[in-house]
Structures are given as structure tokens and as C-alpha cells.
Amino acid sequence: MLSGRNLLIIATLLVCVVVVVMLRTPGGGTAKVDLDAEVSEFADALSPDAPYRPPGEQERTAALDGLMPLLTGGTDLDSERKPLTPLGFTVSDGVDEATGRHFVLASTKPDAARGWGMYIADYGARPRLVIEVPHPNFDLNTEQVGIELYRRVPGSAVLVAGAHRKAGDNTADVAHNADSLFNTVAVELAKLGLPQVQLHGFDDRSLPDTDVVVSSGSTPHTAAHERIADRLTGQGLAVCRVWEQSCGNLEGRRNVQGNATDGLGGVFVHIESASEVRARPELRSRLVDALTGMV
């Protein structure tokens, strides 16, 4: 029979083993977070009346020093946090409660003049897809599409603009402002050869009887674009394919991320979706299903 002292020693050893396992396991002891709620709360707080200014050259360099390791598999959060904190970023990690995946997140405060974005990636994972949400709060529910796609594709990096597109007297539209940090990060990731999907929404009156517009912006269309369009059609959604027909003002040909990617020879997918597609979970899920065909 074990003595009380021996039982105490065994119990202490078991506690130590549990602690070691938690420390060695990604996400061990890390708080669970509903990423969808986190991003939606961020987007809801953005205002068209907020101030905004793009980063200066030194701020841009410092931000990349922190964000690029974070988005490409870095695990030294203290080092990544160091250049970002003076710029107004908060850096944290957690476990997404929907997937159980350990993530890292860097974000500026909503409606700050330095509204430079929210950036999310799997902790310690090499990225394979870049998901871009340039108009949160304006193109309603596109941030939810982005997080749902992130959840479906492990190894995704998510870029969410940090200001309403009309903030700063309309200077905060990152899809048309090459000076934004959002664009700087997107270009750096494109240089790594990563495919990008950028999520937009359109007023249904802009293109009646269409659910989704699939475009390559100013880049050549590829098999990936055709695959996404075919999947959407197979899901019962009405698709406008820019390489086959005119899709009005929804083709994204002046998108600055697309323009930069064209010069780098990368894949850029520009998606415009109707309000009903973004608002109804079952239709949003069909859109996300089709987009998983990119990788």
C-alpha cells in the first residue's frame, strides 16, 4: 500500500507531466476564441467618419518586421510584438474554438488614425493561401466569408483592412490605395508566390440576376478561376465570368493588389458576391466551398 508521502510524490509528478505536455503542444493552455465573433466585432466598430493615415516608410518597414514572421510561420511572439506595439498593434494568440487550430493575431484599434488592419495566421504554419477582406463593414459580411474560408483551409493568412473604406475622407480604401499597410503586406506575400483571394460585395442592383462575379483583376485568368466558377455554377449560383463576358464595374481591373500581383506573375482571384449570398449562411457556405478549390 502506498504511503501518503508516496501518493503526494506521484500526484506532483503527474501534474508536472501535464504541464510539460501542455507547453509542448501548440495551443496547450491557450484560451479558446470564437474568431468569427472577434473579426465581426472588429468590423462592426469601423466608422466612415474615422480619421485615417497611411504608414510612413519607417513605420511600414517596422510593421513588416513584425507581421511577416507572424504570417509565415514564426513562433517567437515576443520578437514579432516588439516592432508592432509602438505602431498601435496588439499581438495575441489563441485557439479557434470552431477548428481547434492555434492562431496568431495582430490588430490595430478600430477607428484609430493608424487603422492599419487585422492580420491572422495559423501559429507556426507555412502559409498556402492569402485571404483578403479590403472593405469590412462596407461590403457587409465579407469578413465572415473570410473567416469561414480560413477555417476550411489550414495554412491560410487573413488580411482584414483596419479602417472603413470611406474613413479619412475616402483615403482608406486599401483596394485602391497602394500606400496602405494592407497593400504592402499583400505584395510581400505575393512575392512568396502565394495565391490571393480578395472578397468583395456588390449591391444587387449593380448586376441583377448574378450571385457571384469571378475575376482575375488585371492578371491573366487561370485554371483556378475557371475551377471556382465551375464549382459555383455546380452549387446553383449564377456566375459572371469576367474572361467570358462583361460584368460591369465589378471586374476589379484597377485593384492595386491585383496590379502588383500581375507584375509578380502570381494568382489573384477577385470575388464579388451579392448581398443575399453574403447574408444567408447556406449560400455563404456554397461560396466558401467553391473557393477552397484554389488550393
C-alpha atoms as a PDB file:
ATOM      1  CA  MET A   1       0.000   0.000   0.000  1.00  0.00           C
ATOM      2  CA  LEU A   2       1.328   3.420  -0.929  1.00  0.00           C
ATOM      3  CA  SER A   3       2.049   5.847   1.860  1.00  0.00           C
ATOM      4  CA  GLY A   4       0.611   9.364   1.903  1.00  0.00           C
ATOM      5  CA  ARG A   5       4.065  10.711   1.083  1.00  0.00           C
ATOM      6  CA  ASN A   6       4.410   8.448  -1.968  1.00  0.00           C
ATOM      7  CA  LEU A   7       0.938   9.412  -3.167  1.00  0.00           C
ATOM      8  CA  LEU A   8       1.898  13.082  -2.905  1.00  0.00           C
ATOM      9  CA  ILE A   9       5.081  12.477  -4.927  1.00  0.00           C
ATOM     10  CA  ILE A  10       3.123  10.619  -7.643  1.00  0.00           C
ATOM     11  CA  ALA A  11       0.483  13.341  -7.809  1.00  0.00           C
ATOM     12  CA  THR A  12       3.186  16.018  -8.137  1.00  0.00           C
ATOM     13  CA  LEU A  13       4.878  14.097 -10.958  1.00  0.00           C
ATOM     14  CA  LEU A  14       1.567  13.730 -12.810  1.00  0.00           C
ATOM     15  CA  VAL A  15       0.955  17.468 -12.590  1.00  0.00           C
ATOM     16  CA  CYS A  16       4.451  18.131 -13.974  1.00  0.00           C
ATOM     17  CA  VAL A  17       3.838  15.759 -16.876  1.00  0.00           C
ATOM     18  CA  VAL A  18       0.558  17.514 -17.728  1.00  0.00           C
ATOM     19  CA  VAL A  19       2.248  20.924 -17.637  1.00  0.00           C
ATOM     20  CA  VAL A  20       5.088  19.745 -19.903  1.00  0.00           C
ATOM     21  CA  VAL A  21       2.636  18.254 -22.395  1.00  0.00           C
ATOM     22  CA  MET A  22       0.641  21.481 -22.468  1.00  0.00           C
ATOM     23  CA  LEU A  23       3.766  23.530 -23.037  1.00  0.00           C
ATOM     24  CA  ARG A  24       4.893  21.293 -25.897  1.00  0.00           C
ATOM     25  CA  THR A  25       1.506  21.106 -27.562  1.00  0.00           C
ATOM     26  CA  PRO A  26       0.589  24.021 -29.862  1.00  0.00           C
ATOM     27  CA  GLY A  27      -2.249  25.855 -28.179  1.00  0.00           C
ATOM     28  CA  GLY A  28      -1.725  23.994 -24.887  1.00  0.00           C
ATOM     29  CA  GLY A  29      -3.327  26.106 -22.197  1.00  0.00           C
ATOM     30  CA  THR A  30      -4.147  28.847 -24.733  1.00  0.00           C
ATOM     31  CA  ALA A  31      -7.581  30.437 -24.479  1.00  0.00           C
ATOM     32  CA  LYS A  32     -10.298  29.383 -26.908  1.00  0.00           C
ATOM     33  CA  VAL A  33     -11.610  32.205 -29.070  1.00  0.00           C
ATOM     34  CA  ASP A  34     -14.511  32.500 -31.496  1.00  0.00           C
ATOM     35  CA  LEU A  35     -12.613  34.053 -34.395  1.00  0.00           C
ATOM     36  CA  ASP A  36     -15.796  34.793 -36.301  1.00  0.00           C
ATOM     37  CA  ALA A  37     -17.098  36.883 -33.387  1.00  0.00           C
ATOM     38  CA  GLU A  38     -13.691  38.518 -32.923  1.00  0.00           C
ATOM     39  CA  VAL A  39     -13.456  39.674 -36.534  1.00  0.00           C
ATOM     40  CA  SER A  40     -17.128  40.661 -36.726  1.00  0.00           C
ATOM     41  CA  GLU A  41     -16.765  42.811 -33.603  1.00  0.00           C
ATOM     42  CA  PHE A  42     -13.727  44.483 -35.159  1.00  0.00           C
ATOM     43  CA  ALA A  43     -15.573  45.180 -38.411  1.00  0.00           C
ATOM     44  CA  ASP A  44     -18.689  46.459 -36.633  1.00  0.00           C
ATOM     45  CA  ALA A  45     -16.595  49.087 -34.820  1.00  0.00           C
ATOM     46  CA  LEU A  46     -15.309  50.680 -38.042  1.00  0.00           C
ATOM     47  CA  SER A  47     -16.814  54.042 -38.998  1.00  0.00           C
ATOM     48  CA  PRO A  48     -16.759  56.003 -42.269  1.00  0.00           C
ATOM     49  CA  ASP A  49     -16.182  59.156 -40.198  1.00  0.00           C
ATOM     50  CA  ALA A  50     -12.994  57.913 -38.551  1.00  0.00           C
ATOM     51  CA  PRO A  51      -9.588  59.500 -39.170  1.00  0.00           C
ATOM     52  CA  TYR A  52      -7.038  57.587 -41.197  1.00  0.00           C
ATOM     53  CA  ARG A  53      -3.489  57.984 -42.418  1.00  0.00           C
ATOM     54  CA  PRO A  54      -1.244  55.531 -44.244  1.00  0.00           C
ATOM     55  CA  PRO A  55       2.058  54.482 -42.655  1.00  0.00           C
ATOM     56  CA  GLY A  56       5.281  56.323 -43.383  1.00  0.00           C
ATOM     57  CA  GLU A  57       8.267  54.497 -44.815  1.00  0.00           C
ATOM     58  CA  GLN A  58       9.861  53.716 -41.437  1.00  0.00           C
ATOM     59  CA  GLU A  59       6.515  52.613 -39.996  1.00  0.00           C
ATOM     60  CA  ARG A  60       5.957  50.374 -42.997  1.00  0.00           C
ATOM     61  CA  THR A  61       9.363  48.722 -42.547  1.00  0.00           C
ATOM     62  CA  ALA A  62       8.807  48.207 -38.816  1.00  0.00           C
ATOM     63  CA  ALA A  63       5.360  46.729 -39.411  1.00  0.00           C
ATOM     64  CA  LEU A  64       6.714  44.238 -41.946  1.00  0.00           C
ATOM     65  CA  ASP A  65       9.438  43.226 -39.469  1.00  0.00           C
ATOM     66  CA  GLY A  66       6.709  42.041 -37.123  1.00  0.00           C
ATOM     67  CA  LEU A  67       3.930  40.952 -39.445  1.00  0.00           C
ATOM     68  CA  MET A  68       5.821  38.881 -41.996  1.00  0.00           C
ATOM     69  CA  PRO A  69       7.268  36.395 -39.476  1.00  0.00           C
ATOM     70  CA  LEU A  70       3.870  36.200 -37.793  1.00  0.00           C
ATOM     71  CA  LEU A  71       2.124  35.411 -41.099  1.00  0.00           C
ATOM     72  CA  THR A  72       4.730  32.960 -42.403  1.00  0.00           C
ATOM     73  CA  GLY A  73       5.199  30.530 -39.545  1.00  0.00           C
ATOM     74  CA  GLY A  74       7.077  32.447 -36.860  1.00  0.00           C
ATOM     75  CA  THR A  75       6.644  31.312 -33.256  1.00  0.00           C
ATOM     76  CA  ASP A  76       8.559  33.997 -31.382  1.00  0.00           C
ATOM     77  CA  LEU A  77       5.653  36.254 -30.460  1.00  0.00           C
ATOM     78  CA  ASP A  78       7.807  38.479 -28.265  1.00  0.00           C
ATOM     79  CA  SER A  79      10.074  39.318 -31.207  1.00  0.00           C
ATOM     80  CA  GLU A  80       7.116  39.852 -33.522  1.00  0.00           C
ATOM     81  CA  ARG A  81       5.363  42.020 -30.945  1.00  0.00           C
ATOM     82  CA  LYS A  82       8.376  44.289 -30.377  1.00  0.00           C
ATOM     83  CA  PRO A  83       8.215  46.328 -33.627  1.00  0.00           C
ATOM     84  CA  LEU A  84       4.394  46.237 -33.765  1.00  0.00           C
ATOM     85  CA  THR A  85       3.438  47.544 -30.327  1.00  0.00           C
ATOM     86  CA  PRO A  86       4.781  51.102 -30.900  1.00  0.00           C
ATOM     87  CA  LEU A  87       2.645  51.233 -34.060  1.00  0.00           C
ATOM     88  CA  GLY A  88      -0.554  50.627 -32.116  1.00  0.00           C
ATOM     89  CA  PHE A  89      -0.824  46.885 -32.756  1.00  0.00           C
ATOM     90  CA  THR A  90      -1.911  44.316 -30.201  1.00  0.00           C
ATOM     91  CA  VAL A  91      -0.461  40.851 -30.802  1.00  0.00           C
ATOM     92  CA  SER A  92      -2.124  37.790 -29.297  1.00  0.00           C
ATOM     93  CA  ASP A  93      -2.655  34.102 -29.874  1.00  0.00           C
ATOM     94  CA  GLY A  94      -5.458  31.686 -29.144  1.00  0.00           C
ATOM     95  CA  VAL A  95      -7.242  28.523 -30.205  1.00  0.00           C
ATOM     96  CA  ASP A  96     -10.113  28.942 -32.630  1.00  0.00           C
ATOM     97  CA  GLU A  97     -12.997  27.196 -30.929  1.00  0.00           C
ATOM     98  CA  ALA A  98     -14.539  26.067 -34.237  1.00  0.00           C
ATOM     99  CA  THR A  99     -11.440  24.284 -35.569  1.00  0.00           C
ATOM    100  CA  GLY A 100      -9.125  23.759 -32.595  1.00  0.00           C
ATOM    101  CA  ARG A 101      -6.330  25.425 -34.577  1.00  0.00           C
ATOM    102  CA  HIS A 102      -3.801  27.597 -32.776  1.00  0.00           C
ATOM    103  CA  PHE A 103      -3.688  31.061 -34.370  1.00  0.00           C
ATOM    104  CA  VAL A 104      -1.821  34.339 -34.029  1.00  0.00           C
ATOM    105  CA  LEU A 105      -3.484  37.713 -34.480  1.00  0.00           C
ATOM    106  CA  ALA A 106      -2.159  41.254 -34.793  1.00  0.00           C
ATOM    107  CA  SER A 107      -4.590  44.138 -34.860  1.00  0.00           C
ATOM    108  CA  THR A 108      -4.762  47.910 -34.622  1.00  0.00           C
ATOM    109  CA  LYS A 109      -7.643  49.572 -32.791  1.00  0.00           C
ATOM    110  CA  PRO A 110     -10.803  50.189 -34.811  1.00  0.00           C
ATOM    111  CA  ASP A 111     -11.205  53.817 -35.832  1.00  0.00           C
ATOM    112  CA  ALA A 112      -7.661  54.808 -34.865  1.00  0.00           C
ATOM    113  CA  ALA A 113      -5.881  57.090 -37.320  1.00  0.00           C
ATOM    114  CA  ARG A 114      -3.376  54.247 -37.682  1.00  0.00           C
ATOM    115  CA  GLY A 115      -6.123  51.842 -38.672  1.00  0.00           C
ATOM    116  CA  TRP A 116      -3.739  49.505 -40.412  1.00  0.00           C
ATOM    117  CA  GLY A 117      -5.508  46.209 -40.113  1.00  0.00           C
ATOM    118  CA  MET A 118      -6.133  42.861 -38.533  1.00  0.00           C
ATOM    119  CA  TYR A 119      -3.823  40.014 -39.576  1.00  0.00           C
ATOM    120  CA  ILE A 120      -4.433  36.346 -38.716  1.00  0.00           C
ATOM    121  CA  ALA A 121      -2.485  33.158 -39.401  1.00  0.00           C
ATOM    122  CA  ASP A 122      -2.090  29.632 -38.082  1.00  0.00           C
ATOM    123  CA  TYR A 123       0.562  29.558 -35.376  1.00  0.00           C
ATOM    124  CA  GLY A 124       3.865  28.244 -36.727  1.00  0.00           C
ATOM    125  CA  ALA A 125       2.383  27.193 -40.089  1.00  0.00           C
ATOM    126  CA  ARG A 126       3.761  27.928 -43.527  1.00  0.00           C
ATOM    127  CA  PRO A 127       1.000  29.771 -45.449  1.00  0.00           C
ATOM    128  CA  ARG A 128      -0.502  28.456 -48.660  1.00  0.00           C
ATOM    129  CA  LEU A 129      -3.333  30.910 -49.301  1.00  0.00           C
ATOM    130  CA  VAL A 130      -3.828  34.635 -48.644  1.00  0.00           C
ATOM    131  CA  ILE A 131      -7.419  35.697 -47.870  1.00  0.00           C
ATOM    132  CA  GLU A 132      -8.075  39.437 -48.198  1.00  0.00           C
ATOM    133  CA  VAL A 133     -11.004  41.442 -46.808  1.00  0.00           C
ATOM    134  CA  PRO A 134     -10.429  45.029 -48.005  1.00  0.00           C
ATOM    135  CA  HIS A 135     -13.831  46.540 -47.151  1.00  0.00           C
ATOM    136  CA  PRO A 136     -15.048  45.238 -43.764  1.00  0.00           C
ATOM    137  CA  ASN A 137     -18.280  46.860 -42.568  1.00  0.00           C
ATOM    138  CA  PHE A 138     -18.841  48.391 -46.031  1.00  0.00           C
ATOM    139  CA  ASP A 139     -19.061  45.143 -48.035  1.00  0.00           C
ATOM    140  CA  LEU A 140     -21.175  43.574 -45.319  1.00  0.00           C
ATOM    141  CA  ASN A 141     -20.335  40.059 -44.119  1.00  0.00           C
ATOM    142  CA  THR A 142     -17.233  39.710 -46.293  1.00  0.00           C
ATOM    143  CA  GLU A 143     -15.231  39.325 -43.068  1.00  0.00           C
ATOM    144  CA  GLN A 144     -17.426  36.339 -42.195  1.00  0.00           C
ATOM    145  CA  VAL A 145     -16.763  34.810 -45.611  1.00  0.00           C
ATOM    146  CA  GLY A 146     -13.044  35.338 -44.981  1.00  0.00           C
ATOM    147  CA  ILE A 147     -13.037  33.619 -41.589  1.00  0.00           C
ATOM    148  CA  GLU A 148     -15.147  30.732 -42.847  1.00  0.00           C
ATOM    149  CA  LEU A 149     -12.664  30.223 -45.689  1.00  0.00           C
ATOM    150  CA  TYR A 150      -9.764  30.438 -43.213  1.00  0.00           C
ATOM    151  CA  ARG A 151     -11.413  27.706 -41.166  1.00  0.00           C
ATOM    152  CA  ARG A 152     -11.771  25.480 -44.235  1.00  0.00           C
ATOM    153  CA  VAL A 153      -8.186  25.951 -45.443  1.00  0.00           C
ATOM    154  CA  PRO A 154      -5.498  25.308 -42.808  1.00  0.00           C
ATOM    155  CA  GLY A 155      -2.428  27.390 -43.512  1.00  0.00           C
ATOM    156  CA  SER A 156      -4.339  30.487 -44.597  1.00  0.00           C
ATOM    157  CA  ALA A 157      -3.232  34.014 -43.820  1.00  0.00           C
ATOM    158  CA  VAL A 158      -6.061  36.537 -43.420  1.00  0.00           C
ATOM    159  CA  LEU A 159      -5.711  40.270 -44.100  1.00  0.00           C
ATOM    160  CA  VAL A 160      -8.575  42.492 -42.923  1.00  0.00           C
ATOM    161  CA  ALA A 161      -8.430  46.233 -43.567  1.00  0.00           C
ATOM    162  CA  GLY A 162      -8.230  48.261 -40.367  1.00  0.00           C
ATOM    163  CA  ALA A 163     -10.437  51.162 -41.442  1.00  0.00           C
ATOM    164  CA  HIS A 164     -13.768  51.675 -43.156  1.00  0.00           C
ATOM    165  CA  ARG A 165     -13.167  52.279 -46.857  1.00  0.00           C
ATOM    166  CA  LYS A 166     -14.593  55.819 -46.587  1.00  0.00           C
ATOM    167  CA  ALA A 167     -12.580  56.780 -43.495  1.00  0.00           C
ATOM    168  CA  GLY A 168     -10.073  59.604 -43.752  1.00  0.00           C
ATOM    169  CA  ASP A 169     -12.137  61.359 -46.438  1.00  0.00           C
ATOM    170  CA  ASN A 170     -12.162  58.236 -48.623  1.00  0.00           C
ATOM    171  CA  THR A 171      -8.407  57.659 -48.425  1.00  0.00           C
ATOM    172  CA  ALA A 172      -8.712  54.367 -46.525  1.00  0.00           C
ATOM    173  CA  ASP A 173      -9.852  52.220 -49.462  1.00  0.00           C
ATOM    174  CA  VAL A 174      -6.998  49.709 -49.409  1.00  0.00           C
ATOM    175  CA  ALA A 175      -8.073  48.070 -52.670  1.00  0.00           C
ATOM    176  CA  HIS A 176      -7.272  51.346 -54.432  1.00  0.00           C
ATOM    177  CA  ASN A 177      -4.559  52.812 -52.206  1.00  0.00           C
ATOM    178  CA  ALA A 178      -1.081  51.429 -52.819  1.00  0.00           C
ATOM    179  CA  ASP A 179       0.268  53.314 -49.774  1.00  0.00           C
ATOM    180  CA  SER A 180      -1.734  51.243 -47.277  1.00  0.00           C
ATOM    181  CA  LEU A 181      -0.075  48.707 -44.996  1.00  0.00           C
ATOM    182  CA  PHE A 182      -2.664  46.180 -46.192  1.00  0.00           C
ATOM    183  CA  ASN A 183      -1.280  46.529 -49.722  1.00  0.00           C
ATOM    184  CA  THR A 184       2.326  46.397 -48.531  1.00  0.00           C
ATOM    185  CA  VAL A 185       1.709  43.112 -46.707  1.00  0.00           C
ATOM    186  CA  ALA A 186      -0.278  41.649 -49.611  1.00  0.00           C
ATOM    187  CA  VAL A 187       2.559  42.440 -52.028  1.00  0.00           C
ATOM    188  CA  GLU A 188       5.174  40.873 -49.736  1.00  0.00           C
ATOM    189  CA  LEU A 189       3.099  37.690 -49.518  1.00  0.00           C
ATOM    190  CA  ALA A 190       2.599  37.702 -53.296  1.00  0.00           C
ATOM    191  CA  LYS A 191       6.385  37.816 -53.690  1.00  0.00           C
ATOM    192  CA  LEU A 192       6.441  34.437 -51.913  1.00  0.00           C
ATOM    193  CA  GLY A 193       4.281  33.012 -54.709  1.00  0.00           C
ATOM    194  CA  LEU A 194       1.167  32.681 -52.555  1.00  0.00           C
ATOM    195  CA  PRO A 195      -2.209  32.795 -54.326  1.00  0.00           C
ATOM    196  CA  GLN A 196      -4.592  35.514 -53.166  1.00  0.00           C
ATOM    197  CA  VAL A 197      -8.369  35.650 -52.994  1.00  0.00           C
ATOM    198  CA  GLN A 198      -9.926  39.042 -52.340  1.00  0.00           C
ATOM    199  CA  LEU A 199     -13.513  39.220 -51.107  1.00  0.00           C
ATOM    200  CA  HIS A 200     -15.920  41.997 -52.091  1.00  0.00           C
ATOM    201  CA  GLY A 201     -19.660  42.511 -52.096  1.00  0.00           C
ATOM    202  CA  PHE A 202     -21.942  44.342 -54.514  1.00  0.00           C
ATOM    203  CA  ASP A 203     -25.335  45.980 -54.401  1.00  0.00           C
ATOM    204  CA  ASP A 204     -27.740  43.621 -56.135  1.00  0.00           C
ATOM    205  CA  ARG A 205     -28.883  46.439 -58.440  1.00  0.00           C
ATOM    206  CA  SER A 206     -25.366  46.640 -59.889  1.00  0.00           C
ATOM    207  CA  LEU A 207     -25.693  43.304 -61.657  1.00  0.00           C
ATOM    208  CA  PRO A 208     -29.199  41.834 -61.377  1.00  0.00           C
ATOM    209  CA  ASP A 209     -29.645  38.074 -61.660  1.00  0.00           C
ATOM    210  CA  THR A 210     -25.991  37.464 -60.727  1.00  0.00           C
ATOM    211  CA  ASP A 211     -24.853  35.890 -57.458  1.00  0.00           C
ATOM    212  CA  VAL A 212     -21.071  35.959 -57.836  1.00  0.00           C
ATOM    213  CA  VAL A 213     -18.580  37.673 -60.124  1.00  0.00           C
ATOM    214  CA  VAL A 214     -15.296  35.809 -60.587  1.00  0.00           C
ATOM    215  CA  SER A 215     -12.411  37.872 -61.939  1.00  0.00           C
ATOM    216  CA  SER A 216      -8.639  37.845 -62.144  1.00  0.00           C
ATOM    217  CA  GLY A 217      -8.467  41.651 -61.959  1.00  0.00           C
ATOM    218  CA  SER A 218      -5.629  42.816 -64.165  1.00  0.00           C
ATOM    219  CA  THR A 219      -3.895  39.408 -64.044  1.00  0.00           C
ATOM    220  CA  PRO A 220      -4.393  36.638 -66.612  1.00  0.00           C
ATOM    221  CA  HIS A 221      -7.207  34.253 -65.746  1.00  0.00           C
ATOM    222  CA  THR A 222      -6.110  30.729 -64.839  1.00  0.00           C
ATOM    223  CA  ALA A 223      -7.458  27.255 -64.278  1.00  0.00           C
ATOM    224  CA  ALA A 224      -8.075  28.273 -60.653  1.00  0.00           C
ATOM    225  CA  HIS A 225     -10.548  30.959 -61.760  1.00  0.00           C
ATOM    226  CA  GLU A 226     -12.353  28.532 -64.047  1.00  0.00           C
ATOM    227  CA  ARG A 227     -12.452  25.887 -61.308  1.00  0.00           C
ATOM    228  CA  ILE A 228     -14.005  28.321 -58.822  1.00  0.00           C
ATOM    229  CA  ALA A 229     -16.595  29.490 -61.377  1.00  0.00           C
ATOM    230  CA  ASP A 230     -17.478  25.903 -62.300  1.00  0.00           C
ATOM    231  CA  ARG A 231     -17.912  24.959 -58.645  1.00  0.00           C
ATOM    232  CA  LEU A 232     -20.146  27.959 -58.018  1.00  0.00           C
ATOM    233  CA  THR A 233     -22.293  27.055 -61.012  1.00  0.00           C
ATOM    234  CA  GLY A 234     -22.457  23.496 -59.739  1.00  0.00           C
ATOM    235  CA  GLN A 235     -23.691  24.866 -56.408  1.00  0.00           C
ATOM    236  CA  GLY A 236     -26.610  26.526 -58.186  1.00  0.00           C
ATOM    237  CA  LEU A 237     -25.248  30.076 -58.088  1.00  0.00           C
ATOM    238  CA  ALA A 238     -25.423  32.439 -61.072  1.00  0.00           C
ATOM    239  CA  VAL A 239     -21.863  33.381 -62.039  1.00  0.00           C
ATOM    240  CA  CYS A 240     -20.474  36.187 -64.175  1.00  0.00           C
ATOM    241  CA  ARG A 241     -17.087  35.113 -65.595  1.00  0.00           C
ATOM    242  CA  VAL A 242     -15.088  38.207 -66.447  1.00  0.00           C
ATOM    243  CA  TRP A 243     -12.914  36.419 -69.017  1.00  0.00           C
ATOM    244  CA  GLU A 244     -16.047  35.445 -70.979  1.00  0.00           C
ATOM    245  CA  GLN A 245     -18.467  38.328 -70.539  1.00  0.00           C
ATOM    246  CA  SER A 246     -18.836  41.899 -69.312  1.00  0.00           C
ATOM    247  CA  CYS A 247     -19.549  42.156 -65.590  1.00  0.00           C
ATOM    248  CA  GLY A 248     -19.974  45.930 -65.388  1.00  0.00           C
ATOM    249  CA  ASN A 249     -17.950  47.795 -62.778  1.00  0.00           C
ATOM    250  CA  LEU A 250     -17.310  44.663 -60.727  1.00  0.00           C
ATOM    251  CA  GLU A 251     -14.294  43.332 -62.596  1.00  0.00           C
ATOM    252  CA  GLY A 252     -11.557  44.661 -60.274  1.00  0.00           C
ATOM    253  CA  ARG A 253      -9.230  45.676 -63.079  1.00  0.00           C
ATOM    254  CA  ARG A 254      -7.943  48.724 -61.149  1.00  0.00           C
ATOM    255  CA  ASN A 255      -7.387  46.832 -57.907  1.00  0.00           C
ATOM    256  CA  VAL A 256      -3.896  47.670 -56.659  1.00  0.00           C
ATOM    257  CA  GLN A 257      -3.251  44.228 -55.161  1.00  0.00           C
ATOM    258  CA  GLY A 258      -4.188  42.692 -58.489  1.00  0.00           C
ATOM    259  CA  ASN A 259      -1.949  45.127 -60.349  1.00  0.00           C
ATOM    260  CA  ALA A 260       1.007  44.265 -58.117  1.00  0.00           C
ATOM    261  CA  THR A 261       0.376  40.538 -58.446  1.00  0.00           C
ATOM    262  CA  ASP A 262       0.264  40.856 -62.222  1.00  0.00           C
ATOM    263  CA  GLY A 263       3.808  42.208 -62.154  1.00  0.00           C
ATOM    264  CA  LEU A 264       4.895  39.283 -59.994  1.00  0.00           C
ATOM    265  CA  GLY A 265       3.253  36.585 -62.101  1.00  0.00           C
ATOM    266  CA  GLY A 266       1.043  35.373 -59.254  1.00  0.00           C
ATOM    267  CA  VAL A 267      -2.570  34.210 -58.984  1.00  0.00           C
ATOM    268  CA  PHE A 268      -5.124  36.805 -57.891  1.00  0.00           C
ATOM    269  CA  VAL A 269      -8.808  35.956 -57.569  1.00  0.00           C
ATOM    270  CA  HIS A 270     -11.233  38.868 -57.209  1.00  0.00           C
ATOM    271  CA  ILE A 271     -14.649  37.823 -55.900  1.00  0.00           C
ATOM    272  CA  GLU A 272     -17.765  39.978 -55.826  1.00  0.00           C
ATOM    273  CA  SER A 273     -20.828  38.438 -54.179  1.00  0.00           C
ATOM    274  CA  ALA A 274     -24.427  39.613 -53.948  1.00  0.00           C
ATOM    275  CA  SER A 275     -25.859  40.660 -50.598  1.00  0.00           C
ATOM    276  CA  GLU A 276     -28.061  37.568 -50.279  1.00  0.00           C
ATOM    277  CA  VAL A 277     -25.082  35.269 -50.813  1.00  0.00           C
ATOM    278  CA  ARG A 278     -23.197  37.014 -48.006  1.00  0.00           C
ATOM    279  CA  ALA A 279     -26.177  37.248 -45.656  1.00  0.00           C
ATOM    280  CA  ARG A 280     -27.544  33.693 -45.875  1.00  0.00           C
ATOM    281  CA  PRO A 281     -25.283  31.129 -44.153  1.00  0.00           C
ATOM    282  CA  GLU A 282     -26.167  28.318 -46.557  1.00  0.00           C
ATOM    283  CA  LEU A 283     -25.300  30.440 -49.612  1.00  0.00           C
ATOM    284  CA  ARG A 284     -22.176  31.788 -47.929  1.00  0.00           C
ATOM    285  CA  SER A 285     -21.134  28.187 -47.339  1.00  0.00           C
ATOM    286  CA  ARG A 286     -21.556  27.392 -51.043  1.00  0.00           C
ATOM    287  CA  LEU A 287     -19.293  30.319 -51.933  1.00  0.00           C
ATOM    288  CA  VAL A 288     -16.658  29.142 -49.465  1.00  0.00           C
ATOM    289  CA  ASP A 289     -16.892  25.575 -50.778  1.00  0.00           C
ATOM    290  CA  ALA A 290     -16.069  26.837 -54.259  1.00  0.00           C
ATOM    291  CA  LEU A 291     -13.162  28.974 -53.064  1.00  0.00           C
ATOM    292  CA  THR A 292     -11.486  26.033 -51.332  1.00  0.00           C
ATOM    293  CA  GLY A 293     -10.732  24.816 -54.863  1.00  0.00           C
ATOM    294  CA  MET A 294      -7.950  27.395 -55.094  1.00  0.00           C
ATOM    295  CA  VAL A 295      -5.536  25.188 -53.144  1.00  0.00           C
END
